[in-house]
Amino acid sequence: MDVINFMEDDCCEFSWSDAQGRQNEVRLRVYCDPVAGWPEHADMAVGVSNVEGHREQGQVNFLDPIHLLKGRIRDAAMGFKYEHGTDIYFLATEYDMYIRPRAWQLNLYFLGLALKNHPHLEPLFADLEMDMAEAKRRAEARGSDSIGTRPRDIWRNLLF
């Protein structure tokens, strides 16, 4: 595993592969909260796994797929990057059995903004029975200037 980038105070990106020659390498974005700020009473389901590192061992919390999708939609709402669209498509199709029952939790405002940058995803969200007209209306009404970009806003955007 190689560190690629310390993106912000609460986020770091790694690359990982278990194959020789680093084939099929994947990027992992790790969100951590070294200071107070994590909403302790958040309704955010996590899976806990024990991990052993070079220096110590401990537990790591993995977010439910719905929260990963929320975060990726928020990223896509802030601007266009090809990988935002592919990640959203992957999460929504690969984890459909987890996403579909909780699709109502997706933020229509962020979704509407994301669709401006990735209109090809509209059928995907329509299939999840999201109200596309309402998502677009909310995005038009508020614009993109109210998305939080300060450190720790990522947590709020994962929750809502």
N, C-alpha and C. Protein backbone atom coordinates (compact mmCIF):
# COMPACT_ATOMS: atom_id res chain seq x y z
N MET A 1 0.86 -1.16 0.00
CA MET A 1 0.00 0.00 0.00
C MET A 1 0.90 1.22 0.00
N ASP A 2 0.59 2.17 -0.87
CA ASP A 2 1.35 3.40 -0.97
C ASP A 2 0.44 4.58 -0.68
N VAL A 3 0.95 5.54 0.06
CA VAL A 3 0.21 6.77 0.29
C VAL A 3 0.31 7.61 -0.98
N ILE A 4 -0.83 8.04 -1.49
CA ILE A 4 -0.87 8.87 -2.68
C ILE A 4 -0.93 10.33 -2.31
N ASN A 5 -1.83 10.65 -1.37
CA ASN A 5 -2.09 12.05 -1.12
C ASN A 5 -2.74 12.22 0.25
N PHE A 6 -2.24 13.18 1.02
CA PHE A 6 -2.96 13.62 2.21
C PHE A 6 -3.82 14.78 1.74
N MET A 7 -5.10 14.51 1.51
CA MET A 7 -5.96 15.46 0.82
C MET A 7 -6.41 16.62 1.71
N GLU A 8 -6.79 16.33 2.91
CA GLU A 8 -7.26 17.33 3.86
C GLU A 8 -6.91 16.82 5.24
N ASP A 9 -7.31 17.57 6.26
CA ASP A 9 -7.07 17.14 7.62
C ASP A 9 -7.76 15.82 7.94
N ASP A 10 -8.88 15.56 7.27
CA ASP A 10 -9.68 14.40 7.63
C ASP A 10 -9.74 13.34 6.54
N CYS A 11 -8.81 13.36 5.59
CA CYS A 11 -8.88 12.42 4.48
C CYS A 11 -7.48 12.11 3.95
N CYS A 12 -7.26 10.85 3.58
CA CYS A 12 -6.00 10.42 3.01
C CYS A 12 -6.31 9.39 1.93
N GLU A 13 -5.53 9.35 0.87
CA GLU A 13 -5.77 8.43 -0.22
C GLU A 13 -4.58 7.47 -0.37
N PHE A 14 -4.89 6.19 -0.56
CA PHE A 14 -3.88 5.15 -0.71
C PHE A 14 -4.12 4.37 -2.00
N SER A 15 -3.09 3.74 -2.52
CA SER A 15 -3.28 2.76 -3.59
C SER A 15 -2.90 1.40 -3.03
N TRP A 16 -3.61 0.35 -3.49
CA TRP A 16 -3.38 -0.99 -2.97
C TRP A 16 -3.59 -2.02 -4.06
N SER A 17 -2.77 -3.05 -4.02
CA SER A 17 -2.95 -4.20 -4.90
C SER A 17 -2.32 -5.41 -4.24
N ASP A 18 -2.97 -6.56 -4.37
CA ASP A 18 -2.39 -7.79 -3.85
C ASP A 18 -1.79 -8.63 -4.98
N ALA A 19 -1.76 -8.06 -6.18
CA ALA A 19 -1.24 -8.79 -7.34
C ALA A 19 0.20 -8.38 -7.63
N GLN A 20 0.93 -9.31 -8.23
CA GLN A 20 2.30 -9.03 -8.62
C GLN A 20 2.30 -7.93 -9.68
N GLY A 21 3.23 -7.01 -9.58
CA GLY A 21 3.29 -5.92 -10.54
C GLY A 21 2.19 -4.88 -10.33
N ARG A 22 1.50 -4.96 -9.19
CA ARG A 22 0.44 -4.01 -8.83
C ARG A 22 -0.69 -3.95 -9.86
N GLN A 23 -0.97 -5.10 -10.48
CA GLN A 23 -2.08 -5.16 -11.43
C GLN A 23 -3.40 -4.98 -10.68
N ASN A 24 -4.39 -4.45 -11.38
CA ASN A 24 -5.71 -4.22 -10.81
C ASN A 24 -5.65 -3.39 -9.52
N GLU A 25 -4.76 -2.44 -9.51
CA GLU A 25 -4.60 -1.58 -8.35
C GLU A 25 -5.88 -0.78 -8.10
N VAL A 26 -6.22 -0.62 -6.85
CA VAL A 26 -7.39 0.18 -6.49
C VAL A 26 -6.94 1.33 -5.59
N ARG A 27 -7.72 2.38 -5.61
CA ARG A 27 -7.45 3.52 -4.73
C ARG A 27 -8.43 3.47 -3.57
N LEU A 28 -7.91 3.71 -2.41
CA LEU A 28 -8.72 3.73 -1.20
C LEU A 28 -8.67 5.13 -0.62
N ARG A 29 -9.82 5.70 -0.36
CA ARG A 29 -9.87 7.00 0.30
C ARG A 29 -10.30 6.74 1.73
N VAL A 30 -9.47 7.15 2.66
CA VAL A 30 -9.73 6.91 4.07
C VAL A 30 -10.08 8.23 4.73
N TYR A 31 -11.26 8.27 5.34
CA TYR A 31 -11.69 9.44 6.08
C TYR A 31 -11.46 9.17 7.55
N CYS A 32 -10.75 10.05 8.19
CA CYS A 32 -10.50 9.90 9.61
C CYS A 32 -10.85 11.21 10.29
N ASP A 33 -11.00 11.15 11.56
CA ASP A 33 -11.37 12.35 12.30
C ASP A 33 -10.46 12.45 13.51
N PRO A 34 -9.27 13.03 13.32
CA PRO A 34 -8.31 13.07 14.41
C PRO A 34 -8.70 14.01 15.54
N VAL A 35 -9.65 14.89 15.31
CA VAL A 35 -10.08 15.84 16.32
C VAL A 35 -11.58 15.67 16.53
N ALA A 36 -12.11 16.30 17.53
CA ALA A 36 -13.55 16.23 17.75
C ALA A 36 -14.29 16.71 16.51
N GLY A 37 -15.39 16.13 16.20
CA GLY A 37 -16.14 16.55 15.03
C GLY A 37 -17.02 15.45 14.48
N TRP A 38 -16.70 14.21 14.78
CA TRP A 38 -17.54 13.12 14.30
C TRP A 38 -18.86 13.16 15.06
N PRO A 39 -19.95 13.13 14.33
CA PRO A 39 -21.25 13.15 15.01
C PRO A 39 -21.50 11.82 15.72
N GLU A 40 -21.27 11.80 17.02
CA GLU A 40 -21.35 10.55 17.79
C GLU A 40 -22.71 9.87 17.72
N HIS A 41 -23.74 10.64 17.57
CA HIS A 41 -25.08 10.06 17.57
C HIS A 41 -25.64 9.95 16.17
N ALA A 42 -24.78 9.94 15.18
CA ALA A 42 -25.23 9.87 13.79
C ALA A 42 -25.85 8.51 13.50
N ASP A 43 -26.85 8.52 12.66
CA ASP A 43 -27.49 7.28 12.23
C ASP A 43 -26.72 6.74 11.03
N MET A 44 -25.51 6.28 11.28
CA MET A 44 -24.64 5.83 10.21
C MET A 44 -24.13 4.43 10.56
N ALA A 45 -24.62 3.44 9.83
CA ALA A 45 -24.22 2.06 10.09
C ALA A 45 -22.80 1.82 9.59
N VAL A 46 -22.02 1.15 10.39
CA VAL A 46 -20.65 0.82 10.00
C VAL A 46 -20.38 -0.65 10.28
N GLY A 47 -19.47 -1.21 9.51
CA GLY A 47 -18.97 -2.55 9.77
C GLY A 47 -17.61 -2.41 10.42
N VAL A 48 -17.35 -3.19 11.43
CA VAL A 48 -16.09 -3.08 12.16
C VAL A 48 -15.20 -4.27 11.80
N SER A 49 -13.94 -3.99 11.48
CA SER A 49 -12.96 -5.04 11.17
C SER A 49 -11.68 -4.79 11.95
N ASN A 50 -11.06 -5.86 12.38
CA ASN A 50 -9.76 -5.75 13.04
C ASN A 50 -8.68 -5.69 11.97
N VAL A 51 -7.73 -4.79 12.13
CA VAL A 51 -6.63 -4.66 11.18
C VAL A 51 -5.31 -4.62 11.94
N GLU A 52 -4.27 -5.07 11.27
CA GLU A 52 -2.94 -5.04 11.86
C GLU A 52 -2.02 -4.28 10.91
N GLY A 53 -1.44 -3.22 11.42
CA GLY A 53 -0.54 -2.40 10.63
C GLY A 53 0.91 -2.67 10.97
N HIS A 54 1.80 -1.88 10.40
CA HIS A 54 3.22 -2.04 10.67
C HIS A 54 3.57 -1.70 12.11
N ARG A 55 2.87 -0.74 12.69
CA ARG A 55 3.20 -0.26 14.03
C ARG A 55 2.24 -0.70 15.11
N GLU A 56 0.97 -0.86 14.76
CA GLU A 56 -0.01 -1.23 15.77
C GLU A 56 -1.21 -1.91 15.13
N GLN A 57 -2.09 -2.39 15.97
CA GLN A 57 -3.31 -3.02 15.49
C GLN A 57 -4.50 -2.32 16.12
N GLY A 58 -5.64 -2.48 15.50
CA GLY A 58 -6.83 -1.82 16.02
C GLY A 58 -8.04 -2.17 15.19
N GLN A 59 -9.08 -1.41 15.37
CA GLN A 59 -10.32 -1.63 14.64
C GLN A 59 -10.56 -0.49 13.65
N VAL A 60 -11.15 -0.84 12.52
CA VAL A 60 -11.49 0.13 11.49
C VAL A 60 -12.98 0.01 11.21
N ASN A 61 -13.64 1.14 11.09
CA ASN A 61 -15.06 1.17 10.75
C ASN A 61 -15.22 1.39 9.26
N PHE A 62 -16.00 0.53 8.61
CA PHE A 62 -16.30 0.67 7.19
C PHE A 62 -17.74 1.11 7.04
N LEU A 63 -17.93 2.14 6.24
CA LEU A 63 -19.27 2.69 6.04
C LEU A 63 -20.13 1.77 5.20
N ASP A 64 -21.44 1.82 5.46
CA ASP A 64 -22.42 1.13 4.62
C ASP A 64 -22.35 1.71 3.20
N PRO A 65 -22.68 0.92 2.18
CA PRO A 65 -22.64 1.42 0.80
C PRO A 65 -23.48 2.67 0.57
N ILE A 66 -24.61 2.84 1.28
CA ILE A 66 -25.43 4.03 1.06
C ILE A 66 -24.66 5.29 1.41
N HIS A 67 -23.83 5.24 2.44
CA HIS A 67 -23.05 6.42 2.84
C HIS A 67 -21.92 6.68 1.85
N LEU A 68 -21.33 5.63 1.31
CA LEU A 68 -20.32 5.82 0.27
C LEU A 68 -20.94 6.47 -0.95
N LEU A 69 -22.14 6.02 -1.31
CA LEU A 69 -22.84 6.61 -2.46
C LEU A 69 -23.17 8.07 -2.19
N LYS A 70 -23.64 8.37 -0.99
CA LYS A 70 -23.94 9.77 -0.65
C LYS A 70 -22.69 10.64 -0.80
N GLY A 71 -21.57 10.16 -0.31
CA GLY A 71 -20.33 10.93 -0.42
C GLY A 71 -19.90 11.13 -1.86
N ARG A 72 -20.08 10.10 -2.68
CA ARG A 72 -19.66 10.20 -4.09
C ARG A 72 -20.61 11.12 -4.86
N ILE A 73 -21.89 11.09 -4.53
CA ILE A 73 -22.84 12.02 -5.15
C ILE A 73 -22.46 13.45 -4.79
N ARG A 74 -22.09 13.67 -3.56
CA ARG A 74 -21.66 15.00 -3.11
C ARG A 74 -20.42 15.45 -3.89
N ASP A 75 -19.46 14.54 -4.07
CA ASP A 75 -18.28 14.88 -4.87
C ASP A 75 -18.68 15.26 -6.29
N ALA A 76 -19.57 14.49 -6.88
CA ALA A 76 -20.01 14.74 -8.26
C ALA A 76 -20.79 16.05 -8.35
N ALA A 77 -21.45 16.44 -7.27
CA ALA A 77 -22.20 17.70 -7.26
C ALA A 77 -21.25 18.90 -7.29
N MET A 78 -20.05 18.71 -6.77
CA MET A 78 -19.09 19.83 -6.69
C MET A 78 -18.35 20.06 -7.99
N GLY A 79 -18.32 19.10 -8.88
CA GLY A 79 -17.61 19.29 -10.14
C GLY A 79 -17.50 17.99 -10.90
N PHE A 80 -17.07 18.08 -12.16
CA PHE A 80 -17.00 16.90 -13.00
C PHE A 80 -15.62 16.24 -12.92
N LYS A 81 -15.62 14.98 -12.60
CA LYS A 81 -14.47 14.09 -12.75
C LYS A 81 -15.05 12.78 -13.25
N TYR A 82 -14.41 12.20 -14.22
CA TYR A 82 -14.92 10.97 -14.81
C TYR A 82 -15.15 9.89 -13.75
N GLU A 83 -14.21 9.77 -12.81
CA GLU A 83 -14.32 8.69 -11.82
C GLU A 83 -15.51 8.87 -10.89
N HIS A 84 -16.02 10.08 -10.72
CA HIS A 84 -17.22 10.24 -9.90
C HIS A 84 -18.38 9.46 -10.50
N GLY A 85 -18.59 9.62 -11.81
CA GLY A 85 -19.68 8.92 -12.48
C GLY A 85 -19.51 7.42 -12.46
N THR A 86 -18.29 6.95 -12.69
CA THR A 86 -18.06 5.50 -12.69
C THR A 86 -18.21 4.91 -11.29
N ASP A 87 -17.75 5.64 -10.28
CA ASP A 87 -17.91 5.16 -8.90
C ASP A 87 -19.38 5.10 -8.50
N ILE A 88 -20.14 6.13 -8.86
CA ILE A 88 -21.57 6.14 -8.54
C ILE A 88 -22.27 4.97 -9.21
N TYR A 89 -21.97 4.77 -10.48
CA TYR A 89 -22.59 3.65 -11.21
C TYR A 89 -22.22 2.32 -10.57
N PHE A 90 -20.94 2.14 -10.24
CA PHE A 90 -20.49 0.91 -9.61
C PHE A 90 -21.20 0.67 -8.28
N LEU A 91 -21.20 1.67 -7.41
CA LEU A 91 -21.84 1.51 -6.09
C LEU A 91 -23.32 1.19 -6.22
N ALA A 92 -24.03 1.93 -7.08
CA ALA A 92 -25.47 1.76 -7.20
C ALA A 92 -25.85 0.43 -7.85
N THR A 93 -25.00 -0.11 -8.70
CA THR A 93 -25.33 -1.39 -9.34
C THR A 93 -24.76 -2.58 -8.56
N GLU A 94 -23.53 -2.47 -8.12
CA GLU A 94 -22.89 -3.58 -7.40
C GLU A 94 -23.54 -3.82 -6.03
N TYR A 95 -23.98 -2.76 -5.38
CA TYR A 95 -24.56 -2.86 -4.04
C TYR A 95 -26.05 -2.53 -4.06
N ASP A 96 -26.70 -2.83 -5.17
CA ASP A 96 -28.12 -2.52 -5.35
C ASP A 96 -28.98 -3.05 -4.21
N MET A 97 -28.70 -4.25 -3.74
CA MET A 97 -29.55 -4.82 -2.68
C MET A 97 -29.44 -4.05 -1.36
N TYR A 98 -28.36 -3.27 -1.18
CA TYR A 98 -28.20 -2.44 0.02
C TYR A 98 -28.68 -1.01 -0.24
N ILE A 99 -28.49 -0.54 -1.48
CA ILE A 99 -28.81 0.84 -1.84
C ILE A 99 -30.32 1.02 -2.06
N ARG A 100 -30.93 0.14 -2.82
CA ARG A 100 -32.33 0.30 -3.22
C ARG A 100 -33.28 0.53 -2.04
N PRO A 101 -33.22 -0.27 -0.97
CA PRO A 101 -34.16 -0.04 0.13
C PRO A 101 -33.92 1.28 0.87
N ARG A 102 -32.74 1.86 0.69
CA ARG A 102 -32.41 3.09 1.41
C ARG A 102 -32.21 4.28 0.47
N ALA A 103 -32.59 4.13 -0.78
CA ALA A 103 -32.40 5.20 -1.77
C ALA A 103 -33.13 6.48 -1.35
N TRP A 104 -34.21 6.35 -0.62
CA TRP A 104 -34.95 7.52 -0.15
C TRP A 104 -34.09 8.43 0.72
N GLN A 105 -32.96 7.92 1.24
CA GLN A 105 -32.08 8.72 2.09
C GLN A 105 -31.15 9.62 1.28
N LEU A 106 -31.09 9.43 -0.04
CA LEU A 106 -30.20 10.25 -0.86
C LEU A 106 -30.72 11.69 -0.90
N ASN A 107 -29.82 12.63 -0.87
CA ASN A 107 -30.15 14.04 -0.87
C ASN A 107 -30.48 14.49 -2.29
N LEU A 108 -31.72 14.92 -2.52
CA LEU A 108 -32.15 15.30 -3.86
C LEU A 108 -31.42 16.54 -4.37
N TYR A 109 -31.05 17.44 -3.48
CA TYR A 109 -30.30 18.62 -3.89
C TYR A 109 -28.94 18.22 -4.47
N PHE A 110 -28.18 17.42 -3.73
CA PHE A 110 -26.88 16.96 -4.23
C PHE A 110 -27.04 16.13 -5.50
N LEU A 111 -28.09 15.31 -5.53
CA LEU A 111 -28.35 14.48 -6.70
C LEU A 111 -28.60 15.34 -7.93
N GLY A 112 -29.41 16.38 -7.78
CA GLY A 112 -29.68 17.28 -8.89
C GLY A 112 -28.43 17.95 -9.41
N LEU A 113 -27.55 18.39 -8.50
CA LEU A 113 -26.29 19.00 -8.92
C LEU A 113 -25.39 17.98 -9.61
N ALA A 114 -25.35 16.76 -9.07
CA ALA A 114 -24.52 15.70 -9.68
C ALA A 114 -25.00 15.39 -11.09
N LEU A 115 -26.31 15.41 -11.30
CA LEU A 115 -26.85 15.11 -12.63
C LEU A 115 -26.49 16.19 -13.65
N LYS A 116 -26.24 17.41 -13.20
CA LYS A 116 -25.77 18.45 -14.12
C LYS A 116 -24.41 18.06 -14.70
N ASN A 117 -23.57 17.43 -13.88
CA ASN A 117 -22.23 17.03 -14.31
C ASN A 117 -22.22 15.64 -14.94
N HIS A 118 -23.20 14.81 -14.60
CA HIS A 118 -23.24 13.42 -15.08
C HIS A 118 -24.66 13.06 -15.50
N PRO A 119 -25.18 13.69 -16.55
CA PRO A 119 -26.58 13.44 -16.95
C PRO A 119 -26.84 11.99 -17.36
N HIS A 120 -25.79 11.27 -17.73
CA HIS A 120 -25.96 9.87 -18.13
C HIS A 120 -26.39 8.98 -16.96
N LEU A 121 -26.31 9.49 -15.73
CA LEU A 121 -26.71 8.70 -14.56
C LEU A 121 -28.20 8.82 -14.24
N GLU A 122 -28.91 9.67 -14.96
CA GLU A 122 -30.34 9.87 -14.66
C GLU A 122 -31.14 8.56 -14.72
N PRO A 123 -30.97 7.70 -15.75
CA PRO A 123 -31.74 6.44 -15.75
C PRO A 123 -31.43 5.55 -14.54
N LEU A 124 -30.21 5.59 -14.07
CA LEU A 124 -29.82 4.80 -12.90
C LEU A 124 -30.64 5.23 -11.68
N PHE A 125 -30.74 6.54 -11.45
CA PHE A 125 -31.47 7.03 -10.29
C PHE A 125 -32.98 6.96 -10.50
N ALA A 126 -33.42 7.08 -11.73
CA ALA A 126 -34.84 6.90 -12.02
C ALA A 126 -35.25 5.46 -11.69
N ASP A 127 -34.36 4.50 -11.98
CA ASP A 127 -34.61 3.10 -11.66
C ASP A 127 -34.68 2.87 -10.15
N LEU A 128 -33.98 3.72 -9.39
CA LEU A 128 -34.05 3.64 -7.93
C LEU A 128 -35.28 4.39 -7.39
N GLU A 129 -36.13 4.83 -8.33
CA GLU A 129 -37.37 5.53 -8.01
C GLU A 129 -37.14 6.87 -7.32
N MET A 130 -36.05 7.53 -7.71
CA MET A 130 -35.77 8.88 -7.21
C MET A 130 -36.59 9.86 -8.06
N ASP A 131 -37.03 10.94 -7.47
CA ASP A 131 -37.81 11.95 -8.17
C ASP A 131 -36.85 12.88 -8.92
N MET A 132 -36.62 12.58 -10.20
CA MET A 132 -35.66 13.34 -11.00
C MET A 132 -36.07 14.80 -11.17
N ALA A 133 -37.36 15.04 -11.37
CA ALA A 133 -37.83 16.42 -11.56
C ALA A 133 -37.58 17.24 -10.29
N GLU A 134 -37.85 16.65 -9.14
CA GLU A 134 -37.62 17.36 -7.87
C GLU A 134 -36.14 17.58 -7.62
N ALA A 135 -35.29 16.61 -7.94
CA ALA A 135 -33.85 16.76 -7.78
C ALA A 135 -33.34 17.93 -8.62
N LYS A 136 -33.78 18.00 -9.86
CA LYS A 136 -33.36 19.09 -10.75
C LYS A 136 -33.89 20.44 -10.26
N ARG A 137 -35.12 20.45 -9.78
CA ARG A 137 -35.71 21.69 -9.27
C ARG A 137 -34.92 22.22 -8.08
N ARG A 138 -34.57 21.33 -7.15
CA ARG A 138 -33.82 21.75 -5.96
C ARG A 138 -32.43 22.28 -6.34
N ALA A 139 -31.80 21.63 -7.30
CA ALA A 139 -30.47 22.08 -7.73
C ALA A 139 -30.55 23.46 -8.37
N GLU A 140 -31.59 23.70 -9.16
CA GLU A 140 -31.77 25.00 -9.80
C GLU A 140 -32.08 26.08 -8.77
N ALA A 141 -32.89 25.74 -7.78
CA ALA A 141 -33.33 26.71 -6.79
C ALA A 141 -32.19 27.20 -5.90
N ARG A 142 -31.27 26.30 -5.54
CA ARG A 142 -30.21 26.67 -4.59
C ARG A 142 -28.86 26.90 -5.24
N GLY A 143 -28.61 26.33 -6.39
CA GLY A 143 -27.29 26.46 -7.00
C GLY A 143 -26.26 25.64 -6.25
N SER A 144 -25.01 25.73 -6.68
CA SER A 144 -23.96 24.88 -6.09
C SER A 144 -23.12 25.59 -5.05
N ASP A 145 -23.42 26.85 -4.75
CA ASP A 145 -22.57 27.59 -3.82
C ASP A 145 -22.81 27.26 -2.35
N SER A 146 -23.82 26.45 -2.04
CA SER A 146 -24.10 26.15 -0.64
C SER A 146 -23.55 24.80 -0.19
N ILE A 147 -22.76 24.13 -1.05
CA ILE A 147 -22.13 22.87 -0.64
C ILE A 147 -20.93 23.21 0.22
N GLY A 148 -20.85 22.58 1.37
CA GLY A 148 -19.72 22.84 2.27
C GLY A 148 -18.41 22.32 1.71
N THR A 149 -17.38 23.12 1.77
CA THR A 149 -16.06 22.70 1.29
C THR A 149 -15.00 22.81 2.37
N ARG A 150 -15.40 23.19 3.56
CA ARG A 150 -14.43 23.29 4.66
C ARG A 150 -14.15 21.90 5.22
N PRO A 151 -13.00 21.75 5.91
CA PRO A 151 -12.75 20.47 6.58
C PRO A 151 -13.92 20.10 7.48
N ARG A 152 -14.23 18.85 7.54
CA ARG A 152 -15.30 18.23 8.30
C ARG A 152 -16.66 18.33 7.61
N ASP A 153 -16.81 19.13 6.56
CA ASP A 153 -18.08 19.16 5.84
C ASP A 153 -18.37 17.82 5.20
N ILE A 154 -17.32 17.04 4.93
CA ILE A 154 -17.51 15.72 4.33
C ILE A 154 -18.43 14.87 5.21
N TRP A 155 -18.29 14.98 6.54
CA TRP A 155 -19.13 14.18 7.43
C TRP A 155 -20.58 14.58 7.30
N ARG A 156 -20.85 15.88 7.28
CA ARG A 156 -22.23 16.33 7.13
C ARG A 156 -22.81 15.86 5.80
N ASN A 157 -21.98 15.89 4.77
CA ASN A 157 -22.46 15.51 3.45
C ASN A 157 -22.65 14.00 3.31
N LEU A 158 -21.94 13.21 4.09
CA LEU A 158 -22.17 11.76 4.09
C LEU A 158 -23.48 11.43 4.81
N LEU A 159 -23.83 12.24 5.78
CA LEU A 159 -25.03 11.96 6.56
C LEU A 159 -26.30 12.39 5.87
N PHE A 160 -26.25 13.46 5.05
CA PHE A 160 -27.47 14.02 4.49
C PHE A 160 -27.53 13.89 3.00
